[in-house]
Amino acid sequence: MNAIRDIEDRLYEQATHTEQALLHEYVRASRRGTVAVVAMGHNMVIANPAASRLMDSSDQVLLWDWATRNLEERLECASELRFMEGIDVHLHARRVGGGKDTFGVVVELRPKPDATTRSVVAGYDRSTGGASTENSQKERLPGRSLPTCRLQMQLDELRSGG
């Protein structure tokens, strides 16, 4: 147990000031409850399980773009955003770090009430991670982005002779 703690301490010490601040803010936001939390910097993304269920890598790019545009001159921002699979979320973001080169952001995401009940969006079944067809037991393409989902649906149609 001490060896693990020593490794964690060394990794934390080697992190930049912005990475340390981002990790600290992420942990603080995550402890507040069951809200989905994402911490993002120029070369890192940390997401709790609730956030990971809401978004994929395409949404991370979308979220980073939104954050850099909206927090360039401000410390906090609240807004709504639609993720690639049609999931609408309320966002509350806080800037972490100083200048443009040391920029990071912690975002709390809350799905809009009607978004939490949708498990199938545009032919995509979030519970299985693929197209919502009877062929879900067949070989699936890796990835969960909307283009990957559309390609998987086309492949499923070809397999079924459609």
N, C-alpha and C. Protein backbone atom coordinates (compact mmCIF):
# COMPACT_ATOMS: atom_id res chain seq x y z
N MET A 1 0.81 -1.19 0.00
CA MET A 1 0.00 0.00 0.00
C MET A 1 0.86 1.27 0.00
N ASN A 2 1.96 1.24 0.73
CA ASN A 2 2.86 2.39 0.78
C ASN A 2 3.51 2.63 -0.57
N ALA A 3 3.82 1.56 -1.31
CA ALA A 3 4.44 1.70 -2.63
C ALA A 3 3.50 2.42 -3.59
N ILE A 4 2.22 2.08 -3.53
CA ILE A 4 1.23 2.73 -4.39
C ILE A 4 1.13 4.21 -4.05
N ARG A 5 1.10 4.52 -2.77
CA ARG A 5 1.02 5.92 -2.32
C ARG A 5 2.26 6.71 -2.76
N ASP A 6 3.44 6.06 -2.68
CA ASP A 6 4.68 6.72 -3.11
C ASP A 6 4.64 7.03 -4.60
N ILE A 7 4.14 6.10 -5.40
CA ILE A 7 4.03 6.31 -6.85
C ILE A 7 3.06 7.46 -7.14
N GLU A 8 1.91 7.44 -6.47
CA GLU A 8 0.94 8.52 -6.65
C GLU A 8 1.55 9.88 -6.30
N ASP A 9 2.28 9.94 -5.19
CA ASP A 9 2.91 11.18 -4.76
C ASP A 9 3.93 11.67 -5.79
N ARG A 10 4.73 10.76 -6.33
CA ARG A 10 5.73 11.15 -7.34
C ARG A 10 5.06 11.65 -8.62
N LEU A 11 4.01 10.97 -9.04
CA LEU A 11 3.29 11.42 -10.24
C LEU A 11 2.70 12.81 -10.03
N TYR A 12 2.13 13.03 -8.87
CA TYR A 12 1.55 14.35 -8.57
C TYR A 12 2.64 15.43 -8.55
N GLU A 13 3.78 15.12 -7.96
CA GLU A 13 4.88 16.09 -7.89
C GLU A 13 5.42 16.43 -9.28
N GLN A 14 5.37 15.47 -10.22
CA GLN A 14 5.90 15.70 -11.56
C GLN A 14 4.90 16.43 -12.46
N ALA A 15 3.68 16.53 -12.03
CA ALA A 15 2.66 17.22 -12.82
C ALA A 15 2.92 18.72 -12.79
N THR A 16 2.49 19.39 -13.84
CA THR A 16 2.62 20.85 -13.89
C THR A 16 1.68 21.47 -12.87
N HIS A 17 1.89 22.74 -12.61
CA HIS A 17 1.02 23.46 -11.68
C HIS A 17 -0.43 23.43 -12.15
N THR A 18 -0.66 23.62 -13.46
CA THR A 18 -2.02 23.61 -14.00
C THR A 18 -2.64 22.23 -13.85
N GLU A 19 -1.88 21.16 -14.12
CA GLU A 19 -2.40 19.80 -13.97
C GLU A 19 -2.78 19.51 -12.52
N GLN A 20 -1.96 19.98 -11.58
CA GLN A 20 -2.27 19.79 -10.17
C GLN A 20 -3.54 20.54 -9.79
N ALA A 21 -3.65 21.78 -10.26
CA ALA A 21 -4.84 22.58 -9.95
C ALA A 21 -6.08 21.96 -10.58
N LEU A 22 -5.94 21.45 -11.80
CA LEU A 22 -7.06 20.82 -12.48
C LEU A 22 -7.52 19.57 -11.74
N LEU A 23 -6.58 18.75 -11.32
CA LEU A 23 -6.92 17.55 -10.56
C LEU A 23 -7.60 17.92 -9.24
N HIS A 24 -7.07 18.93 -8.55
CA HIS A 24 -7.66 19.38 -7.29
C HIS A 24 -9.12 19.84 -7.49
N GLU A 25 -9.36 20.65 -8.52
CA GLU A 25 -10.72 21.15 -8.79
C GLU A 25 -11.65 20.02 -9.22
N TYR A 26 -11.13 19.06 -9.99
CA TYR A 26 -11.94 17.91 -10.41
C TYR A 26 -12.40 17.11 -9.19
N VAL A 27 -11.46 16.81 -8.30
CA VAL A 27 -11.80 16.04 -7.09
C VAL A 27 -12.81 16.79 -6.25
N ARG A 28 -12.61 18.09 -6.10
CA ARG A 28 -13.54 18.91 -5.30
C ARG A 28 -14.95 18.88 -5.90
N ALA A 29 -15.06 19.04 -7.22
CA ALA A 29 -16.37 19.02 -7.88
C ALA A 29 -17.01 17.63 -7.81
N SER A 30 -16.21 16.60 -7.95
CA SER A 30 -16.73 15.23 -7.92
C SER A 30 -17.29 14.84 -6.56
N ARG A 31 -16.74 15.40 -5.51
CA ARG A 31 -17.18 15.06 -4.15
C ARG A 31 -18.50 15.70 -3.78
N ARG A 32 -18.97 16.64 -4.58
CA ARG A 32 -20.20 17.35 -4.25
C ARG A 32 -21.46 16.53 -4.49
N GLY A 33 -21.37 15.40 -5.13
CA GLY A 33 -22.58 14.62 -5.35
C GLY A 33 -22.50 13.76 -6.60
N THR A 34 -23.66 13.53 -7.19
CA THR A 34 -23.76 12.60 -8.30
C THR A 34 -23.70 13.29 -9.66
N VAL A 35 -23.29 14.53 -9.69
CA VAL A 35 -23.22 15.27 -10.94
C VAL A 35 -22.08 14.73 -11.80
N ALA A 36 -22.27 14.79 -13.12
CA ALA A 36 -21.22 14.40 -14.06
C ALA A 36 -20.17 15.51 -14.10
N VAL A 37 -18.90 15.14 -13.99
CA VAL A 37 -17.81 16.12 -13.94
C VAL A 37 -16.72 15.73 -14.93
N VAL A 38 -16.23 16.74 -15.67
CA VAL A 38 -15.12 16.56 -16.60
C VAL A 38 -14.10 17.66 -16.32
N ALA A 39 -12.83 17.29 -16.23
CA ALA A 39 -11.74 18.25 -16.15
C ALA A 39 -10.94 18.12 -17.43
N MET A 40 -10.66 19.26 -18.07
CA MET A 40 -9.95 19.23 -19.35
C MET A 40 -8.84 20.25 -19.35
N GLY A 41 -7.73 19.86 -19.94
CA GLY A 41 -6.61 20.75 -20.18
C GLY A 41 -6.13 20.52 -21.60
N HIS A 42 -5.03 21.16 -21.96
CA HIS A 42 -4.52 21.04 -23.32
C HIS A 42 -4.17 19.60 -23.69
N ASN A 43 -3.71 18.81 -22.72
CA ASN A 43 -3.32 17.44 -23.05
C ASN A 43 -3.83 16.42 -22.05
N MET A 44 -4.97 16.71 -21.42
CA MET A 44 -5.54 15.74 -20.49
C MET A 44 -7.05 15.91 -20.37
N VAL A 45 -7.72 14.78 -20.13
CA VAL A 45 -9.16 14.78 -19.87
C VAL A 45 -9.40 13.78 -18.74
N ILE A 46 -10.11 14.21 -17.72
CA ILE A 46 -10.50 13.35 -16.61
C ILE A 46 -12.02 13.44 -16.52
N ALA A 47 -12.68 12.30 -16.51
CA ALA A 47 -14.15 12.28 -16.42
C ALA A 47 -14.59 11.24 -15.42
N ASN A 48 -15.57 11.58 -14.61
CA ASN A 48 -16.12 10.57 -13.70
C ASN A 48 -17.07 9.67 -14.48
N PRO A 49 -17.50 8.54 -13.91
CA PRO A 49 -18.36 7.61 -14.65
C PRO A 49 -19.65 8.23 -15.18
N ALA A 50 -20.25 9.14 -14.42
CA ALA A 50 -21.48 9.78 -14.89
C ALA A 50 -21.23 10.58 -16.17
N ALA A 51 -20.10 11.28 -16.25
CA ALA A 51 -19.77 12.05 -17.45
C ALA A 51 -19.42 11.11 -18.60
N SER A 52 -18.73 10.02 -18.31
CA SER A 52 -18.36 9.07 -19.35
C SER A 52 -19.57 8.43 -20.01
N ARG A 53 -20.65 8.26 -19.25
CA ARG A 53 -21.88 7.70 -19.82
C ARG A 53 -22.59 8.70 -20.73
N LEU A 54 -22.39 9.98 -20.49
CA LEU A 54 -23.06 11.01 -21.28
C LEU A 54 -22.35 11.36 -22.58
N MET A 55 -21.03 11.20 -22.60
CA MET A 55 -20.28 11.73 -23.73
C MET A 55 -19.23 10.76 -24.23
N ASP A 56 -18.84 10.95 -25.49
CA ASP A 56 -17.74 10.18 -26.06
C ASP A 56 -16.65 11.14 -26.52
N SER A 57 -15.66 10.63 -27.24
CA SER A 57 -14.52 11.47 -27.62
C SER A 57 -14.92 12.63 -28.52
N SER A 58 -15.92 12.45 -29.38
CA SER A 58 -16.40 13.56 -30.21
C SER A 58 -16.98 14.66 -29.35
N ASP A 59 -17.70 14.28 -28.31
CA ASP A 59 -18.28 15.26 -27.39
C ASP A 59 -17.19 15.98 -26.59
N GLN A 60 -16.09 15.29 -26.29
CA GLN A 60 -14.99 15.93 -25.57
C GLN A 60 -14.41 17.07 -26.41
N VAL A 61 -14.25 16.82 -27.71
CA VAL A 61 -13.74 17.87 -28.60
C VAL A 61 -14.72 19.04 -28.64
N LEU A 62 -16.01 18.73 -28.76
CA LEU A 62 -17.05 19.75 -28.77
C LEU A 62 -17.04 20.55 -27.47
N LEU A 63 -16.91 19.87 -26.34
CA LEU A 63 -16.89 20.52 -25.03
C LEU A 63 -15.65 21.41 -24.87
N TRP A 64 -14.48 20.93 -25.31
CA TRP A 64 -13.26 21.73 -25.21
C TRP A 64 -13.38 22.99 -26.07
N ASP A 65 -13.93 22.86 -27.27
CA ASP A 65 -14.13 24.01 -28.14
C ASP A 65 -15.07 25.02 -27.48
N TRP A 66 -16.17 24.53 -26.92
CA TRP A 66 -17.12 25.40 -26.23
C TRP A 66 -16.43 26.12 -25.06
N ALA A 67 -15.66 25.38 -24.27
CA ALA A 67 -15.02 25.95 -23.09
C ALA A 67 -13.98 27.01 -23.47
N THR A 68 -13.17 26.75 -24.47
CA THR A 68 -12.14 27.72 -24.84
C THR A 68 -12.76 29.00 -25.39
N ARG A 69 -13.89 28.88 -26.10
CA ARG A 69 -14.56 30.07 -26.62
C ARG A 69 -15.23 30.86 -25.50
N ASN A 70 -15.87 30.18 -24.57
CA ASN A 70 -16.68 30.86 -23.55
C ASN A 70 -15.90 31.28 -22.30
N LEU A 71 -14.76 30.69 -22.06
CA LEU A 71 -14.01 31.02 -20.84
C LEU A 71 -12.71 31.75 -21.12
N GLU A 72 -12.52 32.19 -22.33
CA GLU A 72 -11.29 32.91 -22.67
C GLU A 72 -11.13 34.17 -21.83
N GLU A 73 -12.23 34.87 -21.61
CA GLU A 73 -12.18 36.14 -20.86
C GLU A 73 -12.88 36.06 -19.50
N ARG A 74 -13.51 34.93 -19.18
CA ARG A 74 -14.28 34.81 -17.94
C ARG A 74 -13.75 33.69 -17.06
N LEU A 75 -14.14 33.71 -15.80
CA LEU A 75 -13.76 32.65 -14.87
C LEU A 75 -14.80 31.54 -14.81
N GLU A 76 -16.08 31.87 -15.05
CA GLU A 76 -17.16 30.89 -14.99
C GLU A 76 -18.14 31.14 -16.11
N CYS A 77 -18.86 30.10 -16.47
CA CYS A 77 -19.86 30.22 -17.52
C CYS A 77 -20.89 29.10 -17.35
N ALA A 78 -22.13 29.41 -17.64
CA ALA A 78 -23.20 28.40 -17.64
C ALA A 78 -23.92 28.49 -18.98
N SER A 79 -24.27 27.33 -19.52
CA SER A 79 -24.92 27.30 -20.82
C SER A 79 -25.53 25.93 -21.05
N GLU A 80 -26.07 25.74 -22.25
CA GLU A 80 -26.56 24.43 -22.67
C GLU A 80 -25.82 24.03 -23.93
N LEU A 81 -25.68 22.72 -24.13
CA LEU A 81 -24.98 22.21 -25.29
C LEU A 81 -25.64 20.91 -25.71
N ARG A 82 -25.65 20.64 -27.00
CA ARG A 82 -26.17 19.37 -27.51
C ARG A 82 -24.98 18.53 -27.96
N PHE A 83 -24.87 17.34 -27.36
CA PHE A 83 -23.81 16.42 -27.75
C PHE A 83 -24.14 15.76 -29.07
N MET A 84 -23.15 15.09 -29.64
CA MET A 84 -23.25 14.53 -30.98
C MET A 84 -24.43 13.56 -31.14
N GLU A 85 -24.79 12.84 -30.11
CA GLU A 85 -25.88 11.86 -30.20
C GLU A 85 -27.23 12.47 -29.85
N GLY A 86 -27.31 13.78 -29.79
CA GLY A 86 -28.58 14.46 -29.53
C GLY A 86 -28.90 14.62 -28.07
N ILE A 87 -27.97 14.35 -27.18
CA ILE A 87 -28.21 14.52 -25.74
C ILE A 87 -27.98 15.98 -25.38
N ASP A 88 -28.99 16.62 -24.81
CA ASP A 88 -28.89 18.01 -24.38
C ASP A 88 -28.47 18.06 -22.91
N VAL A 89 -27.47 18.89 -22.61
CA VAL A 89 -26.98 19.00 -21.24
C VAL A 89 -26.86 20.46 -20.82
N HIS A 90 -27.08 20.70 -19.53
CA HIS A 90 -26.79 21.99 -18.91
C HIS A 90 -25.34 21.92 -18.46
N LEU A 91 -24.58 22.97 -18.72
CA LEU A 91 -23.16 23.01 -18.36
C LEU A 91 -22.89 24.15 -17.40
N HIS A 92 -22.02 23.88 -16.44
CA HIS A 92 -21.47 24.94 -15.60
C HIS A 92 -19.97 24.71 -15.58
N ALA A 93 -19.22 25.66 -16.13
CA ALA A 93 -17.78 25.51 -16.28
C ALA A 93 -17.03 26.56 -15.49
N ARG A 94 -15.89 26.15 -14.95
CA ARG A 94 -14.98 27.05 -14.24
C ARG A 94 -13.60 26.95 -14.84
N ARG A 95 -13.02 28.07 -15.08
CA ARG A 95 -11.66 28.14 -15.60
C ARG A 95 -10.67 27.78 -14.49
N VAL A 96 -9.64 27.04 -14.85
CA VAL A 96 -8.58 26.67 -13.91
C VAL A 96 -7.26 27.10 -14.53
N GLY A 97 -6.44 27.78 -13.77
CA GLY A 97 -5.14 28.21 -14.27
C GLY A 97 -5.16 29.67 -14.66
N GLY A 98 -3.98 30.14 -15.03
CA GLY A 98 -3.81 31.56 -15.30
C GLY A 98 -3.95 31.94 -16.74
N GLY A 99 -2.83 32.01 -17.45
CA GLY A 99 -2.82 32.52 -18.82
C GLY A 99 -3.33 31.52 -19.84
N LYS A 100 -3.25 31.92 -21.09
CA LYS A 100 -3.76 31.11 -22.19
C LYS A 100 -3.04 29.77 -22.30
N ASP A 101 -1.73 29.75 -22.00
CA ASP A 101 -0.95 28.52 -22.10
C ASP A 101 -1.18 27.58 -20.93
N THR A 102 -1.71 28.07 -19.82
CA THR A 102 -1.94 27.24 -18.63
C THR A 102 -3.43 27.07 -18.38
N PHE A 103 -4.18 27.01 -19.44
CA PHE A 103 -5.63 26.98 -19.36
C PHE A 103 -6.15 25.57 -19.09
N GLY A 104 -7.10 25.45 -18.19
CA GLY A 104 -7.82 24.22 -17.93
C GLY A 104 -9.23 24.58 -17.54
N VAL A 105 -10.12 23.60 -17.53
CA VAL A 105 -11.51 23.87 -17.20
C VAL A 105 -12.11 22.64 -16.51
N VAL A 106 -12.97 22.91 -15.52
CA VAL A 106 -13.76 21.86 -14.88
C VAL A 106 -15.21 22.15 -15.23
N VAL A 107 -15.88 21.14 -15.79
CA VAL A 107 -17.25 21.31 -16.25
C VAL A 107 -18.15 20.31 -15.52
N GLU A 108 -19.24 20.84 -14.97
CA GLU A 108 -20.28 19.99 -14.39
C GLU A 108 -21.39 19.90 -15.43
N LEU A 109 -21.82 18.67 -15.73
CA LEU A 109 -22.83 18.43 -16.75
C LEU A 109 -24.08 17.82 -16.12
N ARG A 110 -25.21 18.38 -16.47
CA ARG A 110 -26.49 17.83 -16.00
C ARG A 110 -27.37 17.62 -17.22
N PRO A 111 -27.72 16.36 -17.52
CA PRO A 111 -28.60 16.13 -18.67
C PRO A 111 -29.94 16.78 -18.44
N LYS A 112 -30.50 17.34 -19.50
CA LYS A 112 -31.84 17.90 -19.39
C LYS A 112 -32.80 16.76 -19.07
N PRO A 113 -33.87 17.02 -18.34
CA PRO A 113 -34.76 15.96 -17.88
C PRO A 113 -35.24 14.99 -18.98
N ASP A 114 -35.55 15.50 -20.15
CA ASP A 114 -36.01 14.61 -21.21
C ASP A 114 -34.87 13.80 -21.81
N ALA A 115 -33.61 14.20 -21.63
CA ALA A 115 -32.48 13.49 -22.20
C ALA A 115 -32.13 12.24 -21.40
N THR A 116 -32.42 12.21 -20.10
CA THR A 116 -32.02 11.07 -19.29
C THR A 116 -32.87 9.84 -19.58
N THR A 117 -34.04 10.02 -20.14
CA THR A 117 -34.90 8.87 -20.39
C THR A 117 -34.65 8.26 -21.76
N ARG A 118 -33.90 8.95 -22.61
CA ARG A 118 -33.64 8.42 -23.94
C ARG A 118 -32.47 7.46 -23.91
N SER A 119 -32.69 6.21 -24.28
CA SER A 119 -31.57 5.29 -24.42
C SER A 119 -31.27 5.04 -25.88
N VAL A 120 -32.23 5.31 -26.76
CA VAL A 120 -32.00 5.16 -28.18
C VAL A 120 -32.16 6.52 -28.83
N VAL A 121 -31.09 7.02 -29.44
CA VAL A 121 -31.09 8.32 -30.08
C VAL A 121 -30.60 8.13 -31.51
N ALA A 122 -31.40 8.53 -32.48
CA ALA A 122 -31.00 8.46 -33.89
C ALA A 122 -30.48 7.08 -34.27
N GLY A 123 -31.17 6.04 -33.81
CA GLY A 123 -30.76 4.68 -34.16
C GLY A 123 -29.58 4.17 -33.35
N TYR A 124 -29.20 4.85 -32.31
CA TYR A 124 -28.05 4.47 -31.51
C TYR A 124 -28.51 4.08 -30.12
N ASP A 125 -28.18 2.87 -29.69
CA ASP A 125 -28.59 2.37 -28.39
C ASP A 125 -27.45 2.60 -27.40
N ARG A 126 -27.63 3.56 -26.48
CA ARG A 126 -26.57 3.90 -25.52
C ARG A 126 -26.30 2.77 -24.54
N SER A 127 -27.28 1.91 -24.31
CA SER A 127 -27.08 0.84 -23.33
C SER A 127 -26.17 -0.25 -23.87
N THR A 128 -26.18 -0.48 -25.19
CA THR A 128 -25.32 -1.51 -25.76
C THR A 128 -24.11 -0.92 -26.46
N GLY A 129 -24.11 0.40 -26.69
CA GLY A 129 -22.99 1.03 -27.35
C GLY A 129 -22.97 0.77 -28.84
N GLY A 130 -24.13 0.60 -29.44
CA GLY A 130 -24.18 0.34 -30.88
C GLY A 130 -25.52 0.67 -31.46
N ALA A 131 -25.69 0.32 -32.73
CA ALA A 131 -26.95 0.57 -33.41
C ALA A 131 -28.05 -0.26 -32.76
N SER A 132 -29.25 0.29 -32.73
CA SER A 132 -30.36 -0.39 -32.08
C SER A 132 -31.04 -1.32 -33.08
N THR A 133 -30.46 -2.49 -33.26
CA THR A 133 -31.02 -3.49 -34.17
C THR A 133 -31.02 -4.83 -33.46
N GLU A 134 -31.70 -5.79 -34.07
CA GLU A 134 -31.69 -7.13 -33.50
C GLU A 134 -30.32 -7.78 -33.68
N ASN A 135 -29.47 -7.21 -34.51
CA ASN A 135 -28.16 -7.78 -34.79
C ASN A 135 -27.11 -7.33 -33.78
N SER A 136 -27.51 -6.90 -32.58
CA SER A 136 -26.56 -6.34 -31.63
C SER A 136 -25.55 -7.38 -31.14
N GLN A 137 -25.83 -8.68 -31.32
CA GLN A 137 -24.90 -9.71 -30.90
C GLN A 137 -23.79 -9.92 -31.93
N LYS A 138 -23.94 -9.40 -33.14
CA LYS A 138 -22.93 -9.56 -34.17
C LYS A 138 -21.74 -8.67 -33.88
N GLU A 139 -20.70 -8.87 -34.66
CA GLU A 139 -19.48 -8.08 -34.50
C GLU A 139 -19.76 -6.59 -34.67
N ARG A 140 -19.24 -5.78 -33.75
CA ARG A 140 -19.49 -4.34 -33.74
C ARG A 140 -18.19 -3.60 -34.06
N LEU A 141 -18.31 -2.45 -34.68
CA LEU A 141 -17.16 -1.58 -34.89
C LEU A 141 -16.80 -0.92 -33.57
N PRO A 142 -15.51 -0.68 -33.36
CA PRO A 142 -15.15 0.05 -32.13
C PRO A 142 -15.52 1.52 -32.27
N GLY A 143 -15.87 2.13 -31.16
CA GLY A 143 -16.20 3.55 -31.15
C GLY A 143 -17.68 3.78 -30.97
N ARG A 144 -18.01 5.01 -30.52
CA ARG A 144 -19.41 5.36 -30.25
C ARG A 144 -19.82 6.65 -30.90
N SER A 145 -18.99 7.20 -31.77
CA SER A 145 -19.34 8.48 -32.39
C SER A 145 -20.50 8.29 -33.36
N LEU A 146 -21.16 9.38 -33.70
CA LEU A 146 -22.28 9.33 -34.61
C LEU A 146 -21.89 8.77 -35.98
N PRO A 147 -20.75 9.18 -36.58
CA PRO A 147 -20.36 8.59 -37.87
C PRO A 147 -20.11 7.08 -37.77
N THR A 148 -19.51 6.63 -36.67
CA THR A 148 -19.29 5.20 -36.48
C THR A 148 -20.62 4.47 -36.37
N CYS A 149 -21.56 5.06 -35.65
CA CYS A 149 -22.88 4.46 -35.50
C CYS A 149 -23.57 4.34 -36.85
N ARG A 150 -23.50 5.39 -37.66
CA ARG A 150 -24.13 5.35 -38.98
C ARG A 150 -23.50 4.28 -39.85
N LEU A 151 -22.18 4.16 -39.82
CA LEU A 151 -21.50 3.13 -40.58
C LEU A 151 -21.92 1.74 -40.11
N GLN A 152 -22.03 1.55 -38.78
CA GLN A 152 -22.46 0.26 -38.24
C GLN A 152 -23.87 -0.07 -38.71
N MET A 153 -24.77 0.91 -38.74
CA MET A 153 -26.13 0.66 -39.22
C MET A 153 -26.12 0.25 -40.67
N GLN A 154 -25.26 0.89 -41.49
CA GLN A 154 -25.17 0.51 -42.91
C GLN A 154 -24.64 -0.90 -43.05
N LEU A 155 -23.66 -1.26 -42.25
CA LEU A 155 -23.13 -2.62 -42.29
C LEU A 155 -24.19 -3.64 -41.86
N ASP A 156 -24.95 -3.31 -40.83
CA ASP A 156 -26.03 -4.20 -40.38
C ASP A 156 -27.08 -4.40 -41.48
N GLU A 157 -27.40 -3.32 -42.19
CA GLU A 157 -28.35 -3.41 -43.30
C GLU A 157 -27.82 -4.33 -44.40
N LEU A 158 -26.55 -4.18 -44.73
CA LEU A 158 -25.94 -5.03 -45.75
C LEU A 158 -25.93 -6.50 -45.32
N ARG A 159 -25.64 -6.76 -44.04
CA ARG A 159 -25.64 -8.13 -43.52
C ARG A 159 -27.02 -8.76 -43.63
N SER A 160 -28.04 -7.97 -43.35
CA SER A 160 -29.41 -8.53 -43.36
C SER A 160 -30.01 -8.57 -44.76
N GLY A 161 -29.24 -8.13 -45.76
CA GLY A 161 -29.73 -8.19 -47.14
C GLY A 161 -30.57 -7.01 -47.53
N GLY A 162 -30.54 -5.94 -46.70
CA GLY A 162 -31.37 -4.75 -46.93
C GLY A 162 -30.73 -3.81 -47.82
